[in-house]
Amino acid sequence: MSPRYFEDFAVGERFLTGGVTVSESMILDFALRYDPQPFHLDVEAAKKTAFGGLIASGFHTLALGFRMLVQHGIFDPGSMGSPGFDELRWLLPVRPGDTLRSELEVTETTPSRSKPDRGMVRTAVRILNQRGEAVLSYKGIHIIARRPG
């Protein structure tokens, strides 16, 4: 993707990343480190839960989805970070063997009034499984540099 700065973002613009397949070992590794709940960590215990089997942590799904956006280069080189995001929702469980992709839509662009070297880009993000079902969604807020010069 060519270099993108604040001026390059248009409301309604959409991006779809490549995919990543989530393995059982990825789920277990993340759970051991960051979210050690039985339905993320123990295959046998997970069978007895409402999920009926092992599922990925929502935080793992969020991290994978964001990584795909970064690797796609949507915010390169203009990214100046983010003040956060809104309305994070875990919609469907992610299971071993699922292939995820991230979809981002630009919903608003606002030049900064106090810092002329940047602007705010608001986005709607969905992480989709191999069936095109949204498994996670959130509204992102990105601070993006204006084009130099």
N, C-alpha and C. Protein backbone atom coordinates (compact mmCIF):
# COMPACT_ATOMS: atom_id res chain seq x y z
N MET A 1 0.85 -1.18 0.00
CA MET A 1 0.00 0.00 0.00
C MET A 1 0.89 1.24 0.00
N SER A 2 0.53 2.25 -0.76
CA SER A 2 1.33 3.47 -0.81
C SER A 2 1.21 4.24 0.50
N PRO A 3 2.18 5.11 0.80
CA PRO A 3 2.15 5.87 2.06
C PRO A 3 0.84 6.64 2.21
N ARG A 4 0.30 6.60 3.42
CA ARG A 4 -0.99 7.26 3.69
C ARG A 4 -0.85 8.24 4.85
N TYR A 5 -1.40 9.42 4.60
CA TYR A 5 -1.45 10.46 5.61
C TYR A 5 -2.92 10.86 5.79
N PHE A 6 -3.16 11.78 6.72
CA PHE A 6 -4.53 12.18 7.04
C PHE A 6 -5.34 12.52 5.78
N GLU A 7 -4.73 13.27 4.88
CA GLU A 7 -5.45 13.73 3.67
C GLU A 7 -5.87 12.58 2.76
N ASP A 8 -5.28 11.42 2.94
CA ASP A 8 -5.56 10.29 2.06
C ASP A 8 -6.77 9.46 2.50
N PHE A 9 -7.34 9.77 3.65
CA PHE A 9 -8.49 9.00 4.16
C PHE A 9 -9.79 9.68 3.75
N ALA A 10 -10.72 8.89 3.23
CA ALA A 10 -12.02 9.40 2.81
C ALA A 10 -13.12 8.62 3.51
N VAL A 11 -14.12 9.34 3.98
CA VAL A 11 -15.28 8.69 4.61
C VAL A 11 -15.89 7.70 3.62
N GLY A 12 -16.17 6.52 4.11
CA GLY A 12 -16.74 5.46 3.28
C GLY A 12 -15.71 4.52 2.69
N GLU A 13 -14.45 4.90 2.73
CA GLU A 13 -13.37 4.05 2.22
C GLU A 13 -13.30 2.78 3.08
N ARG A 14 -13.08 1.64 2.40
CA ARG A 14 -13.02 0.34 3.09
C ARG A 14 -11.73 -0.39 2.76
N PHE A 15 -11.28 -1.17 3.73
CA PHE A 15 -10.10 -2.00 3.57
C PHE A 15 -10.42 -3.40 4.09
N LEU A 16 -9.92 -4.42 3.42
CA LEU A 16 -10.07 -5.79 3.88
C LEU A 16 -8.68 -6.43 3.86
N THR A 17 -8.27 -6.97 4.99
CA THR A 17 -6.93 -7.54 5.10
C THR A 17 -6.90 -8.97 4.61
N GLY A 18 -5.69 -9.50 4.49
CA GLY A 18 -5.51 -10.93 4.32
C GLY A 18 -5.93 -11.63 5.60
N GLY A 19 -5.83 -12.95 5.60
CA GLY A 19 -6.32 -13.70 6.74
C GLY A 19 -5.23 -14.37 7.56
N VAL A 20 -5.63 -14.80 8.75
CA VAL A 20 -4.78 -15.60 9.62
C VAL A 20 -5.65 -16.73 10.19
N THR A 21 -5.12 -17.95 10.14
CA THR A 21 -5.84 -19.09 10.69
C THR A 21 -5.38 -19.30 12.13
N VAL A 22 -6.37 -19.40 13.01
CA VAL A 22 -6.11 -19.52 14.44
C VAL A 22 -5.99 -21.01 14.79
N SER A 23 -4.85 -21.38 15.33
CA SER A 23 -4.63 -22.79 15.70
C SER A 23 -4.91 -22.99 17.19
N GLU A 24 -5.10 -24.24 17.54
CA GLU A 24 -5.30 -24.58 18.96
C GLU A 24 -4.10 -24.13 19.78
N SER A 25 -2.91 -24.33 19.27
CA SER A 25 -1.71 -23.94 20.03
C SER A 25 -1.63 -22.42 20.22
N MET A 26 -2.08 -21.65 19.24
CA MET A 26 -2.11 -20.19 19.40
C MET A 26 -3.06 -19.80 20.53
N ILE A 27 -4.23 -20.43 20.55
CA ILE A 27 -5.24 -20.14 21.58
C ILE A 27 -4.68 -20.47 22.96
N LEU A 28 -4.10 -21.66 23.10
CA LEU A 28 -3.57 -22.09 24.39
C LEU A 28 -2.41 -21.20 24.84
N ASP A 29 -1.52 -20.85 23.93
CA ASP A 29 -0.38 -20.00 24.28
C ASP A 29 -0.84 -18.65 24.79
N PHE A 30 -1.77 -18.01 24.08
CA PHE A 30 -2.27 -16.71 24.51
C PHE A 30 -2.95 -16.83 25.87
N ALA A 31 -3.79 -17.85 26.03
CA ALA A 31 -4.52 -18.04 27.29
C ALA A 31 -3.57 -18.26 28.46
N LEU A 32 -2.54 -19.05 28.25
CA LEU A 32 -1.56 -19.28 29.32
C LEU A 32 -0.93 -17.98 29.79
N ARG A 33 -0.66 -17.10 28.85
CA ARG A 33 0.02 -15.85 29.17
C ARG A 33 -0.92 -14.76 29.69
N TYR A 34 -2.13 -14.65 29.10
CA TYR A 34 -2.92 -13.44 29.33
C TYR A 34 -4.37 -13.65 29.76
N ASP A 35 -4.97 -14.79 29.53
CA ASP A 35 -6.40 -14.95 29.83
C ASP A 35 -6.69 -16.41 30.20
N PRO A 36 -6.21 -16.84 31.38
CA PRO A 36 -6.26 -18.25 31.75
C PRO A 36 -7.63 -18.72 32.26
N GLN A 37 -8.63 -18.57 31.43
CA GLN A 37 -9.96 -19.09 31.76
C GLN A 37 -10.12 -20.47 31.13
N PRO A 38 -10.87 -21.37 31.78
CA PRO A 38 -10.96 -22.76 31.31
C PRO A 38 -11.36 -22.92 29.84
N PHE A 39 -12.28 -22.08 29.34
CA PHE A 39 -12.72 -22.24 27.96
C PHE A 39 -11.70 -21.76 26.94
N HIS A 40 -10.62 -21.10 27.42
CA HIS A 40 -9.50 -20.71 26.56
C HIS A 40 -8.28 -21.61 26.76
N LEU A 41 -8.25 -22.33 27.85
CA LEU A 41 -7.02 -22.96 28.30
C LEU A 41 -7.05 -24.48 28.38
N ASP A 42 -8.24 -25.05 28.56
CA ASP A 42 -8.34 -26.48 28.84
C ASP A 42 -9.37 -27.12 27.91
N VAL A 43 -8.90 -27.92 26.97
CA VAL A 43 -9.77 -28.51 25.95
C VAL A 43 -10.91 -29.31 26.59
N GLU A 44 -10.61 -30.11 27.59
CA GLU A 44 -11.64 -30.95 28.22
C GLU A 44 -12.62 -30.11 29.04
N ALA A 45 -12.11 -29.17 29.81
CA ALA A 45 -12.98 -28.30 30.60
C ALA A 45 -13.86 -27.45 29.70
N ALA A 46 -13.32 -27.02 28.57
CA ALA A 46 -14.07 -26.16 27.64
C ALA A 46 -15.28 -26.89 27.06
N LYS A 47 -15.19 -28.21 26.91
CA LYS A 47 -16.32 -28.99 26.40
C LYS A 47 -17.53 -28.90 27.32
N LYS A 48 -17.31 -28.64 28.61
CA LYS A 48 -18.38 -28.60 29.60
C LYS A 48 -18.97 -27.20 29.78
N THR A 49 -18.46 -26.22 29.03
CA THR A 49 -18.96 -24.85 29.15
C THR A 49 -20.06 -24.59 28.12
N ALA A 50 -20.65 -23.45 28.21
CA ALA A 50 -21.69 -23.04 27.24
C ALA A 50 -21.15 -22.99 25.81
N PHE A 51 -19.83 -22.88 25.67
CA PHE A 51 -19.23 -22.81 24.33
C PHE A 51 -19.05 -24.19 23.71
N GLY A 52 -19.06 -25.23 24.53
CA GLY A 52 -18.96 -26.60 24.02
C GLY A 52 -17.61 -26.97 23.46
N GLY A 53 -16.61 -26.16 23.71
CA GLY A 53 -15.28 -26.43 23.22
C GLY A 53 -14.37 -25.24 23.39
N LEU A 54 -13.12 -25.43 23.05
CA LEU A 54 -12.10 -24.40 23.19
C LEU A 54 -12.41 -23.20 22.29
N ILE A 55 -12.25 -22.01 22.86
CA ILE A 55 -12.41 -20.77 22.07
C ILE A 55 -11.26 -19.83 22.39
N ALA A 56 -10.97 -18.95 21.45
CA ALA A 56 -9.93 -17.93 21.64
C ALA A 56 -10.43 -16.84 22.57
N SER A 57 -9.52 -16.29 23.32
CA SER A 57 -9.82 -15.11 24.13
C SER A 57 -10.24 -13.97 23.20
N GLY A 58 -11.19 -13.18 23.63
CA GLY A 58 -11.58 -12.00 22.86
C GLY A 58 -10.42 -11.03 22.70
N PHE A 59 -9.57 -10.95 23.72
CA PHE A 59 -8.41 -10.07 23.63
C PHE A 59 -7.41 -10.59 22.59
N HIS A 60 -7.32 -11.90 22.48
CA HIS A 60 -6.47 -12.51 21.45
C HIS A 60 -7.02 -12.15 20.06
N THR A 61 -8.32 -12.30 19.90
CA THR A 61 -8.97 -11.97 18.63
C THR A 61 -8.75 -10.51 18.27
N LEU A 62 -8.91 -9.63 19.26
CA LEU A 62 -8.68 -8.20 19.05
C LEU A 62 -7.24 -7.94 18.61
N ALA A 63 -6.28 -8.56 19.29
CA ALA A 63 -4.87 -8.35 18.97
C ALA A 63 -4.55 -8.86 17.56
N LEU A 64 -5.07 -10.04 17.21
CA LEU A 64 -4.84 -10.58 15.86
C LEU A 64 -5.44 -9.65 14.80
N GLY A 65 -6.66 -9.19 15.06
CA GLY A 65 -7.32 -8.30 14.10
C GLY A 65 -6.58 -6.99 13.91
N PHE A 66 -6.10 -6.42 15.01
CA PHE A 66 -5.36 -5.16 14.90
C PHE A 66 -4.03 -5.39 14.19
N ARG A 67 -3.38 -6.50 14.49
CA ARG A 67 -2.12 -6.81 13.81
C ARG A 67 -2.32 -6.88 12.30
N MET A 68 -3.40 -7.50 11.86
CA MET A 68 -3.66 -7.59 10.42
C MET A 68 -3.81 -6.20 9.80
N LEU A 69 -4.47 -5.28 10.51
CA LEU A 69 -4.63 -3.92 10.00
C LEU A 69 -3.28 -3.21 9.88
N VAL A 70 -2.45 -3.36 10.92
CA VAL A 70 -1.13 -2.74 10.89
C VAL A 70 -0.30 -3.32 9.75
N GLN A 71 -0.30 -4.64 9.61
CA GLN A 71 0.49 -5.28 8.56
C GLN A 71 -0.02 -4.93 7.16
N HIS A 72 -1.29 -4.61 7.05
CA HIS A 72 -1.86 -4.22 5.76
C HIS A 72 -1.35 -2.84 5.33
N GLY A 73 -0.83 -2.06 6.29
CA GLY A 73 -0.23 -0.76 5.99
C GLY A 73 -1.22 0.39 5.89
N ILE A 74 -2.41 0.22 6.41
CA ILE A 74 -3.45 1.25 6.29
C ILE A 74 -3.01 2.58 6.88
N PHE A 75 -2.27 2.53 7.98
CA PHE A 75 -1.91 3.76 8.68
C PHE A 75 -0.44 4.16 8.51
N ASP A 76 0.26 3.52 7.57
CA ASP A 76 1.69 3.82 7.36
C ASP A 76 1.87 4.96 6.39
N PRO A 77 2.75 5.86 6.61
CA PRO A 77 3.56 6.05 7.81
C PRO A 77 2.96 7.07 8.76
N GLY A 78 1.69 7.44 8.54
CA GLY A 78 1.11 8.56 9.27
C GLY A 78 0.64 8.31 10.68
N SER A 79 0.62 7.07 11.14
CA SER A 79 0.08 6.78 12.46
C SER A 79 0.84 7.50 13.56
N MET A 80 0.08 8.17 14.41
CA MET A 80 0.64 8.83 15.59
C MET A 80 0.02 8.26 16.86
N GLY A 81 -0.56 7.06 16.75
CA GLY A 81 -1.16 6.43 17.91
C GLY A 81 -2.67 6.60 17.94
N SER A 82 -3.23 6.33 19.11
CA SER A 82 -4.67 6.35 19.27
C SER A 82 -5.04 6.68 20.71
N PRO A 83 -6.07 7.49 20.90
CA PRO A 83 -6.54 7.73 22.27
C PRO A 83 -7.44 6.61 22.79
N GLY A 84 -7.71 5.61 21.95
CA GLY A 84 -8.55 4.49 22.39
C GLY A 84 -9.54 4.08 21.34
N PHE A 85 -10.50 3.26 21.77
CA PHE A 85 -11.58 2.85 20.87
C PHE A 85 -12.85 2.70 21.68
N ASP A 86 -13.96 2.60 20.99
CA ASP A 86 -15.27 2.55 21.62
C ASP A 86 -16.03 1.32 21.15
N GLU A 87 -16.99 0.95 21.95
CA GLU A 87 -17.98 -0.07 21.58
C GLU A 87 -17.39 -1.41 21.16
N LEU A 88 -16.40 -1.88 21.90
CA LEU A 88 -15.84 -3.20 21.63
C LEU A 88 -16.89 -4.27 21.94
N ARG A 89 -17.12 -5.16 20.99
CA ARG A 89 -18.09 -6.24 21.17
C ARG A 89 -17.51 -7.55 20.67
N TRP A 90 -17.62 -8.58 21.51
CA TRP A 90 -17.29 -9.94 21.12
C TRP A 90 -18.59 -10.56 20.66
N LEU A 91 -18.72 -10.88 19.39
CA LEU A 91 -19.99 -11.27 18.80
C LEU A 91 -20.17 -12.78 18.66
N LEU A 92 -19.12 -13.47 18.28
CA LEU A 92 -19.15 -14.93 18.10
C LEU A 92 -17.83 -15.51 18.59
N PRO A 93 -17.86 -16.74 19.09
CA PRO A 93 -16.60 -17.37 19.50
C PRO A 93 -15.71 -17.69 18.31
N VAL A 94 -14.41 -17.62 18.55
CA VAL A 94 -13.40 -18.01 17.56
C VAL A 94 -12.83 -19.34 18.03
N ARG A 95 -12.86 -20.31 17.12
CA ARG A 95 -12.45 -21.68 17.45
C ARG A 95 -11.20 -22.07 16.68
N PRO A 96 -10.49 -23.09 17.16
CA PRO A 96 -9.33 -23.57 16.40
C PRO A 96 -9.72 -23.89 14.96
N GLY A 97 -8.91 -23.44 14.02
CA GLY A 97 -9.18 -23.66 12.60
C GLY A 97 -9.90 -22.51 11.92
N ASP A 98 -10.46 -21.57 12.69
CA ASP A 98 -11.10 -20.41 12.07
C ASP A 98 -10.05 -19.53 11.41
N THR A 99 -10.41 -18.96 10.27
CA THR A 99 -9.54 -18.01 9.57
C THR A 99 -10.18 -16.64 9.68
N LEU A 100 -9.43 -15.69 10.20
CA LEU A 100 -9.94 -14.34 10.46
C LEU A 100 -9.34 -13.33 9.50
N ARG A 101 -10.16 -12.32 9.19
CA ARG A 101 -9.73 -11.16 8.40
C ARG A 101 -10.30 -9.92 9.06
N SER A 102 -9.65 -8.81 8.87
CA SER A 102 -10.14 -7.55 9.42
C SER A 102 -10.69 -6.67 8.31
N GLU A 103 -11.80 -6.04 8.60
CA GLU A 103 -12.44 -5.11 7.67
C GLU A 103 -12.56 -3.76 8.39
N LEU A 104 -12.07 -2.72 7.74
CA LEU A 104 -12.10 -1.38 8.32
C LEU A 104 -12.81 -0.44 7.37
N GLU A 105 -13.70 0.38 7.91
CA GLU A 105 -14.36 1.43 7.13
C GLU A 105 -14.10 2.77 7.81
N VAL A 106 -13.68 3.76 7.03
CA VAL A 106 -13.48 5.11 7.53
C VAL A 106 -14.86 5.76 7.71
N THR A 107 -15.14 6.23 8.93
CA THR A 107 -16.46 6.81 9.21
C THR A 107 -16.43 8.32 9.42
N GLU A 108 -15.25 8.87 9.72
CA GLU A 108 -15.16 10.31 9.96
C GLU A 108 -13.71 10.74 9.91
N THR A 109 -13.47 11.91 9.34
CA THR A 109 -12.13 12.52 9.36
C THR A 109 -12.26 13.95 9.87
N THR A 110 -11.43 14.31 10.86
CA THR A 110 -11.52 15.64 11.45
C THR A 110 -10.12 16.21 11.64
N PRO A 111 -9.79 17.31 10.94
CA PRO A 111 -8.49 17.93 11.17
C PRO A 111 -8.41 18.46 12.60
N SER A 112 -7.24 18.38 13.20
CA SER A 112 -7.05 18.92 14.54
C SER A 112 -7.09 20.45 14.49
N ARG A 113 -7.80 21.05 15.43
CA ARG A 113 -7.85 22.51 15.49
C ARG A 113 -6.65 23.08 16.25
N SER A 114 -6.10 22.29 17.18
CA SER A 114 -5.00 22.79 18.01
C SER A 114 -3.62 22.36 17.51
N LYS A 115 -3.57 21.28 16.72
CA LYS A 115 -2.29 20.77 16.22
C LYS A 115 -2.41 20.56 14.71
N PRO A 116 -1.97 21.52 13.92
CA PRO A 116 -2.18 21.48 12.47
C PRO A 116 -1.41 20.38 11.74
N ASP A 117 -0.54 19.66 12.43
CA ASP A 117 0.23 18.60 11.78
C ASP A 117 -0.49 17.26 11.77
N ARG A 118 -1.76 17.22 12.23
CA ARG A 118 -2.46 15.94 12.35
C ARG A 118 -3.97 16.08 12.27
N GLY A 119 -4.61 14.93 12.22
CA GLY A 119 -6.07 14.88 12.25
C GLY A 119 -6.52 13.57 12.89
N MET A 120 -7.83 13.48 13.10
CA MET A 120 -8.43 12.30 13.72
C MET A 120 -9.21 11.53 12.66
N VAL A 121 -8.96 10.23 12.57
CA VAL A 121 -9.70 9.37 11.65
C VAL A 121 -10.44 8.35 12.50
N ARG A 122 -11.76 8.36 12.38
CA ARG A 122 -12.60 7.39 13.10
C ARG A 122 -12.97 6.27 12.14
N THR A 123 -13.00 5.06 12.69
CA THR A 123 -13.25 3.89 11.85
C THR A 123 -14.24 2.93 12.52
N ALA A 124 -14.86 2.11 11.70
CA ALA A 124 -15.66 0.98 12.17
C ALA A 124 -14.91 -0.26 11.73
N VAL A 125 -14.58 -1.12 12.68
CA VAL A 125 -13.78 -2.31 12.41
C VAL A 125 -14.59 -3.55 12.76
N ARG A 126 -14.52 -4.52 11.87
CA ARG A 126 -15.11 -5.84 12.13
C ARG A 126 -14.05 -6.89 11.84
N ILE A 127 -13.98 -7.88 12.69
CA ILE A 127 -13.14 -9.04 12.42
C ILE A 127 -14.08 -10.15 11.99
N LEU A 128 -13.80 -10.70 10.83
CA LEU A 128 -14.69 -11.68 10.20
C LEU A 128 -14.05 -13.06 10.20
N ASN A 129 -14.89 -14.09 10.32
CA ASN A 129 -14.38 -15.45 10.18
C ASN A 129 -14.46 -15.90 8.73
N GLN A 130 -14.12 -17.14 8.47
CA GLN A 130 -14.08 -17.66 7.10
C GLN A 130 -15.46 -17.71 6.44
N ARG A 131 -16.52 -17.61 7.21
CA ARG A 131 -17.88 -17.59 6.66
C ARG A 131 -18.39 -16.16 6.45
N GLY A 132 -17.52 -15.17 6.73
CA GLY A 132 -17.92 -13.78 6.58
C GLY A 132 -18.73 -13.26 7.76
N GLU A 133 -18.79 -14.03 8.84
CA GLU A 133 -19.53 -13.61 10.03
C GLU A 133 -18.64 -12.73 10.90
N ALA A 134 -19.20 -11.65 11.41
CA ALA A 134 -18.44 -10.78 12.32
C ALA A 134 -18.30 -11.48 13.67
N VAL A 135 -17.07 -11.65 14.13
CA VAL A 135 -16.81 -12.25 15.43
C VAL A 135 -16.48 -11.20 16.48
N LEU A 136 -16.10 -10.01 16.02
CA LEU A 136 -15.72 -8.91 16.91
C LEU A 136 -15.93 -7.61 16.16
N SER A 137 -16.31 -6.56 16.89
CA SER A 137 -16.42 -5.24 16.27
C SER A 137 -16.01 -4.17 17.28
N TYR A 138 -15.55 -3.04 16.75
CA TYR A 138 -15.26 -1.88 17.59
C TYR A 138 -15.17 -0.65 16.71
N LYS A 139 -15.21 0.51 17.36
CA LYS A 139 -15.03 1.78 16.67
C LYS A 139 -13.67 2.32 17.07
N GLY A 140 -12.81 2.52 16.07
CA GLY A 140 -11.45 2.97 16.31
C GLY A 140 -11.31 4.47 16.16
N ILE A 141 -10.33 5.01 16.86
CA ILE A 141 -9.99 6.43 16.77
C ILE A 141 -8.48 6.49 16.54
N HIS A 142 -8.06 7.09 15.46
CA HIS A 142 -6.65 7.10 15.08
C HIS A 142 -6.19 8.54 14.87
N ILE A 143 -5.04 8.85 15.42
CA ILE A 143 -4.41 10.15 15.18
C ILE A 143 -3.43 9.93 14.02
N ILE A 144 -3.64 10.68 12.94
CA ILE A 144 -2.84 10.48 11.72
C ILE A 144 -2.17 11.80 11.32
N ALA A 145 -0.89 11.71 11.02
CA ALA A 145 -0.13 12.89 10.61
C ALA A 145 -0.60 13.39 9.26
N ARG A 146 -0.55 14.71 9.09
CA ARG A 146 -0.80 15.30 7.78
C ARG A 146 0.44 15.10 6.91
N ARG A 147 0.23 15.15 5.63
CA ARG A 147 1.33 14.97 4.68
C ARG A 147 2.39 16.05 4.92
N PRO A 148 3.66 15.63 5.02
CA PRO A 148 4.74 16.61 5.26
C PRO A 148 4.81 17.64 4.12
N GLY A 149 5.19 18.84 4.50
CA GLY A 149 5.39 19.87 3.51
C GLY A 149 4.11 20.53 3.21
